């Protein structure tokens, strides 16, 4: 059974249409159940939310399509936590997309094969369809690599990993008094402790940083594709979290490959991990801020 797909939408009809068109072009779309979650409008977004809802009324090309319309604005974090929890409880696994992600035609192939292969390997926390553009991936021989940090751009996981997440982060007071623990958390990027601090102090509303923190606490990994199956088109003023950046630019897989090979008890590639971590370094973040300002 292929994993169900959860698509979270809000107020971007053009991006939503492109996301659906690309997803529908996947070779496994016709065999996959699609659940679309539409968040309720804020005062200034009613017209665009209504356009999105008109669009998702007539989606076809999938095994089945079910639409959930929220009457209130939950925000992205609550929408994803509630929606994923609902679907993953029924099916035991899930693939998740937001309304600004273009997928390659073999995205669902990679995701489903990886979810099946690592379903009983509890060291694997999630599967990512997105991959950073890392120098060492240019001639990388494998279909996958490991990362310490989950991605929120086209991902999948299993019920037994999802249900263990402490969304309240009850141990945060203890963690913020533990400099060694904060340093260890930075193995996935030096921005992670600061993002968690902002989340817990109400400066941001991110489900993903809490997701990443739970992965770190349990010493688990994310499986990434060596060629990205996802690119984002969501940068701009309408974006919920990311306004403009080039750090995450990557090339979409055009190989049409449909069979992927994985390894039991996979090991971290230290060189790739160093390059991955560098994408989130303080220097790179400062450079990106300067580019945005310019």
Protein backbone atom coordinates (compact mmCIF):
# COMPACT_ATOMS: atom_id res chain seq x y z
CA UNK A 1 0.00 0.00 0.00
CA UNK A 2 1.42 3.36 -1.03
CA UNK A 3 1.66 6.04 1.63
CA UNK A 4 -1.16 8.62 1.67
CA UNK A 5 -0.20 12.16 0.71
CA UNK A 6 -1.09 15.17 2.84
CA UNK A 7 -1.04 18.52 1.03
CA UNK A 8 -1.35 21.66 3.17
CA UNK A 9 -2.69 24.79 1.47
CA UNK A 10 -3.54 28.32 2.48
CA UNK A 11 -3.68 31.45 0.32
CA UNK A 12 -1.51 30.89 -2.76
CA UNK A 13 -3.64 29.66 -5.67
CA UNK A 14 -0.91 29.95 -8.34
CA UNK A 15 1.63 28.00 -6.30
CA UNK A 16 -0.99 25.46 -5.25
CA UNK A 17 -1.91 24.81 -8.88
CA UNK A 18 1.72 24.22 -9.86
CA UNK A 19 2.22 21.96 -6.85
CA UNK A 20 -0.81 19.86 -7.81
CA UNK A 21 0.17 19.69 -11.48
CA UNK A 22 3.65 18.39 -10.64
CA UNK A 23 2.32 15.91 -8.09
CA UNK A 24 -0.27 14.63 -10.54
CA UNK A 25 2.55 14.01 -13.05
CA UNK A 26 4.12 11.50 -10.66
CA UNK A 27 3.96 7.94 -11.96
CA UNK A 28 2.37 6.71 -8.72
CA UNK A 29 -0.19 9.52 -8.36
CA UNK A 30 -3.05 7.43 -9.73
CA UNK A 31 -2.37 4.80 -7.06
CA UNK A 32 -2.06 7.25 -4.15
CA UNK A 33 -4.64 8.72 -1.80
CA UNK A 34 -4.47 12.50 -1.54
CA UNK A 35 -5.71 14.46 1.49
CA UNK A 36 -5.81 18.23 1.03
CA UNK A 37 -5.96 20.50 4.08
CA UNK A 38 -7.09 24.09 3.53
CA UNK A 39 -6.41 26.45 6.44
CA UNK A 40 -9.01 29.08 7.25
CA UNK A 41 -8.50 32.74 6.28
CA UNK A 42 -7.22 35.69 8.21
CA UNK A 43 -8.95 39.02 7.64
CA UNK A 44 -6.79 40.01 4.67
CA UNK A 45 -6.58 36.58 2.99
CA UNK A 46 -10.21 35.60 2.46
CA UNK A 47 -10.24 36.15 -1.33
CA UNK A 48 -7.10 34.09 -1.95
CA UNK A 49 -8.21 31.31 0.38
CA UNK A 50 -11.48 31.11 -1.56
CA UNK A 51 -9.55 30.89 -4.84
CA UNK A 52 -7.52 27.99 -3.42
CA UNK A 53 -10.69 26.24 -2.27
CA UNK A 54 -12.27 26.60 -5.70
CA UNK A 55 -9.13 25.05 -7.17
CA UNK A 56 -9.02 22.03 -4.88
CA UNK A 57 -12.72 21.21 -5.33
CA UNK A 58 -12.09 19.40 -8.62
CA UNK A 59 -8.69 17.74 -8.17
CA UNK A 60 -8.38 14.41 -9.97
CA UNK A 61 -5.67 12.04 -11.15
CA UNK A 62 -5.27 10.27 -7.80
CA UNK A 63 -6.70 7.08 -6.34
CA UNK A 64 -8.91 9.26 -4.16
CA UNK A 65 -9.05 12.88 -3.05
CA UNK A 66 -10.41 14.10 0.28
CA UNK A 67 -10.51 17.76 1.26
CA UNK A 68 -10.51 19.17 4.80
CA UNK A 69 -11.66 22.79 5.10
CA UNK A 70 -10.84 24.59 8.34
CA UNK A 71 -13.31 27.30 9.34
CA UNK A 72 -10.67 29.07 11.43
CA UNK A 73 -7.07 30.04 10.78
CA UNK A 74 -4.97 27.47 12.61
CA UNK A 75 -1.62 28.58 11.27
CA UNK A 76 0.85 26.28 9.54
CA UNK A 77 2.15 24.52 12.67
CA UNK A 78 -1.23 23.52 14.05
CA UNK A 79 -2.50 22.60 10.59
CA UNK A 80 0.37 20.21 9.97
CA UNK A 81 0.42 18.67 13.45
CA UNK A 82 -3.35 18.10 13.44
CA UNK A 83 -3.57 16.97 9.82
CA UNK A 84 -0.62 14.59 9.87
CA UNK A 85 -1.80 13.11 13.19
CA UNK A 86 -5.23 12.42 11.71
CA UNK A 87 -3.97 10.66 8.58
CA UNK A 88 -0.98 8.83 10.02
CA UNK A 89 -3.18 7.25 12.69
CA UNK A 90 -5.26 5.67 9.93
CA UNK A 91 -2.46 4.55 7.60
CA UNK A 92 0.68 4.20 9.76
CA UNK A 93 2.80 6.33 7.41
CA UNK A 94 2.45 9.53 5.44
CA UNK A 95 4.03 11.75 2.79
CA UNK A 96 3.68 15.49 3.42
CA UNK A 97 3.81 18.47 1.06
CA UNK A 98 3.05 22.16 1.36
CA UNK A 99 1.50 24.31 -1.35
CA UNK A 100 4.75 25.69 -2.77
CA UNK A 101 6.70 22.55 -3.67
CA UNK A 102 7.37 21.20 -7.15
CA UNK A 103 8.07 17.48 -7.22
CA UNK A 104 9.86 15.39 -9.83
CA UNK A 105 7.86 12.59 -11.52
CA UNK A 106 9.77 10.02 -9.43
CA UNK A 107 9.22 11.75 -6.07
CA UNK A 108 6.57 9.27 -4.94
CA UNK A 109 8.72 6.35 -6.10
CA UNK A 110 11.62 7.45 -3.92
CA UNK A 111 9.46 8.29 -0.94
CA UNK A 112 7.45 5.06 -0.94
CA UNK A 113 10.46 2.83 -1.50
CA UNK A 114 12.41 4.51 1.31
CA UNK A 115 9.41 4.42 3.68
CA UNK A 116 8.99 0.69 3.03
CA UNK A 117 12.70 -0.10 3.28
CA UNK A 118 13.29 1.72 6.59
CA UNK A 119 9.92 1.13 8.25
CA UNK A 120 11.44 -1.13 10.92
CA UNK A 121 14.74 0.77 11.26
CA UNK A 122 14.04 3.06 14.22
CA UNK A 123 17.31 4.97 13.74
CA UNK A 124 15.69 6.51 10.65
CA UNK A 125 13.47 9.37 11.75
CA UNK A 126 12.13 10.58 8.42
CA UNK A 127 12.54 10.49 4.65
CA UNK A 128 13.16 13.71 2.74
CA UNK A 129 12.30 14.28 -0.91
CA UNK A 130 14.37 17.47 -0.94
CA UNK A 131 18.14 17.61 -1.02
CA UNK A 132 20.54 20.50 -0.67
CA UNK A 133 22.96 21.17 -3.52
CA UNK A 134 26.14 19.80 -1.93
CA UNK A 135 29.45 19.71 -3.84
CA UNK A 136 30.18 16.05 -3.07
CA UNK A 137 26.82 14.93 -4.49
CA UNK A 138 27.92 15.77 -8.04
CA UNK A 139 29.43 12.32 -8.59
CA UNK A 140 27.94 10.55 -5.58
CA UNK A 141 27.35 6.85 -6.37
CA UNK A 142 24.42 6.18 -4.02
CA UNK A 143 20.74 7.12 -4.29
CA UNK A 144 20.67 8.48 -0.75
CA UNK A 145 22.69 9.95 2.12
CA UNK A 146 22.02 10.56 5.81
CA UNK A 147 21.48 13.83 7.63
CA UNK A 148 21.12 14.82 11.28
CA UNK A 149 18.41 17.36 10.45
CA UNK A 150 14.96 16.67 9.04
CA UNK A 151 13.64 18.68 6.10
CA UNK A 152 10.14 20.15 5.90
CA UNK A 153 10.11 20.31 2.08
CA UNK A 154 8.43 17.12 0.95
CA UNK A 155 8.95 14.49 3.63
CA UNK A 156 7.58 11.27 5.02
CA UNK A 157 7.55 9.38 8.30
CA UNK A 158 5.82 6.64 10.27
CA UNK A 159 3.28 6.69 13.07
CA UNK A 160 5.61 5.25 15.72
CA UNK A 161 8.10 8.11 15.15
CA UNK A 162 5.46 10.84 14.86
CA UNK A 163 3.49 9.95 17.98
CA UNK A 164 6.59 10.21 20.21
CA UNK A 165 7.20 13.89 19.46
CA UNK A 166 6.84 16.21 22.46
CA UNK A 167 5.36 19.27 20.78
CA UNK A 168 5.40 21.17 24.09
CA UNK A 169 9.17 20.57 24.49
CA UNK A 170 8.76 19.96 28.21
CA UNK A 171 12.51 19.63 28.80
CA UNK A 172 13.39 23.03 27.28
CA UNK A 173 14.33 24.64 30.61
CA UNK A 174 16.81 21.86 31.21
CA UNK A 175 18.11 22.04 27.64
CA UNK A 176 18.78 25.79 27.72
CA UNK A 177 21.00 25.26 30.77
CA UNK A 178 22.99 22.60 28.94
CA UNK A 179 25.62 24.23 26.66
CA UNK A 180 27.07 20.85 25.68
CA UNK A 181 23.63 19.65 24.57
CA UNK A 182 23.14 22.85 22.55
CA UNK A 183 26.51 22.31 20.89
CA UNK A 184 25.54 18.75 19.98
CA UNK A 185 22.24 19.97 18.54
CA UNK A 186 24.25 22.15 16.15
CA UNK A 187 25.58 19.10 14.32
CA UNK A 188 22.60 19.65 12.01
CA UNK A 189 23.25 23.39 11.71
CA UNK A 190 24.33 26.19 14.03
CA UNK A 191 20.92 27.86 13.71
CA UNK A 192 18.99 25.05 15.42
CA UNK A 193 19.34 26.02 19.13
CA UNK A 194 18.48 29.64 18.36
CA UNK A 195 15.40 28.61 16.37
CA UNK A 196 14.25 26.42 19.25
CA UNK A 197 14.78 29.32 21.66
CA UNK A 198 12.66 31.60 19.46
CA UNK A 199 9.94 28.96 19.21
CA UNK A 200 9.74 28.50 22.97
CA UNK A 201 9.66 32.27 23.52
CA UNK A 202 6.87 32.89 21.03
CA UNK A 203 9.03 34.62 18.42
CA UNK A 204 8.23 32.09 15.70
CA UNK A 205 5.61 29.37 15.20
CA UNK A 206 7.43 26.35 13.80
CA UNK A 207 6.45 22.70 13.99
CA UNK A 208 9.67 21.81 12.12
CA UNK A 209 12.15 22.98 14.79
CA UNK A 210 10.34 20.88 17.38
CA UNK A 211 10.41 17.96 14.95
CA UNK A 212 14.18 18.41 14.48
CA UNK A 213 14.75 18.70 18.22
CA UNK A 214 12.96 15.40 18.83
CA UNK A 215 15.15 13.78 16.16
CA UNK A 216 18.26 15.08 17.91
CA UNK A 217 17.15 13.85 21.33
CA UNK A 218 16.67 10.35 19.98
CA UNK A 219 19.91 10.35 17.96
CA UNK A 220 18.10 9.58 14.70
CA UNK A 221 18.74 10.31 11.04
CA UNK A 222 16.91 11.55 7.97
CA UNK A 223 17.38 9.82 4.60
CA UNK A 224 17.92 12.34 1.78
CA UNK A 225 17.98 11.69 -1.97
CA UNK A 226 21.31 12.33 -3.66
CA UNK A 227 19.34 14.12 -6.41
CA UNK A 228 16.57 16.34 -5.13
CA UNK A 229 13.02 15.27 -5.90
CA UNK A 230 11.65 18.63 -4.66
CA UNK A 231 12.25 22.31 -5.29
CA UNK A 232 10.53 25.22 -3.57
CA UNK A 233 8.70 28.02 -5.37
CA UNK A 234 7.50 29.58 -2.13
CA UNK A 235 9.97 32.39 -1.60
CA UNK A 236 8.45 35.84 -1.39
CA UNK A 237 6.27 38.05 0.75
CA UNK A 238 3.40 35.54 0.83
CA UNK A 239 5.60 32.82 2.26
CA UNK A 240 4.82 31.78 5.84
CA UNK A 241 8.42 31.45 7.00
CA UNK A 242 10.98 32.00 4.21
CA UNK A 243 11.00 35.31 2.36
CA UNK A 244 13.98 35.19 0.00
CA UNK A 245 17.14 33.15 -0.09
CA UNK A 246 19.44 31.32 -2.49
CA UNK A 247 21.01 28.97 0.06
CA UNK A 248 18.49 26.26 -0.70
CA UNK A 249 18.56 26.41 -4.49
CA UNK A 250 18.95 22.94 -5.94
CA UNK A 251 18.38 21.03 -9.18
CA UNK A 252 15.31 18.85 -9.62
CA UNK A 253 15.94 15.23 -10.61
CA UNK A 254 15.26 14.78 -14.34
CA UNK A 255 16.56 11.21 -14.70
CA UNK A 256 13.14 9.48 -14.69
CA UNK A 257 14.70 6.82 -12.47
CA UNK A 258 12.02 4.73 -10.76
CA UNK A 259 13.93 2.12 -8.74
CA UNK A 260 16.16 3.20 -5.85
CA UNK A 261 18.61 1.25 -3.72
CA UNK A 262 19.10 1.65 0.02
CA UNK A 263 21.22 0.00 2.69
CA UNK A 264 20.32 -1.62 5.96
CA UNK A 265 22.15 -0.03 8.92
CA UNK A 266 23.20 3.01 6.83
CA UNK A 267 26.17 5.10 7.89
CA UNK A 268 26.74 8.84 7.92
CA UNK A 269 29.05 10.26 5.24
CA UNK A 270 31.18 12.71 7.23
CA UNK A 271 32.15 14.82 4.21
CA UNK A 272 28.54 15.29 3.14
CA UNK A 273 27.53 16.06 6.70
CA UNK A 274 30.17 18.78 6.89
CA UNK A 275 28.92 20.32 3.64
CA UNK A 276 25.31 20.04 4.83
CA UNK A 277 26.11 21.72 8.14
CA UNK A 278 28.00 24.50 6.35
CA UNK A 279 24.81 25.51 4.52
CA UNK A 280 23.44 26.61 7.89
CA UNK A 281 26.65 28.18 9.22
CA UNK A 282 26.61 31.66 10.73
CA UNK A 283 28.74 33.00 7.88
CA UNK A 284 26.37 31.68 5.23
CA UNK A 285 23.36 33.02 7.11
CA UNK A 286 24.94 36.48 7.34
CA UNK A 287 25.79 36.41 3.62
CA UNK A 288 22.20 35.51 2.85
CA UNK A 289 20.84 38.36 5.00
CA UNK A 290 23.11 40.81 3.19
CA UNK A 291 21.88 39.55 -0.19
CA UNK A 292 18.27 39.95 0.94
CA UNK A 293 19.00 43.49 2.11
CA UNK A 294 20.67 44.38 -1.20
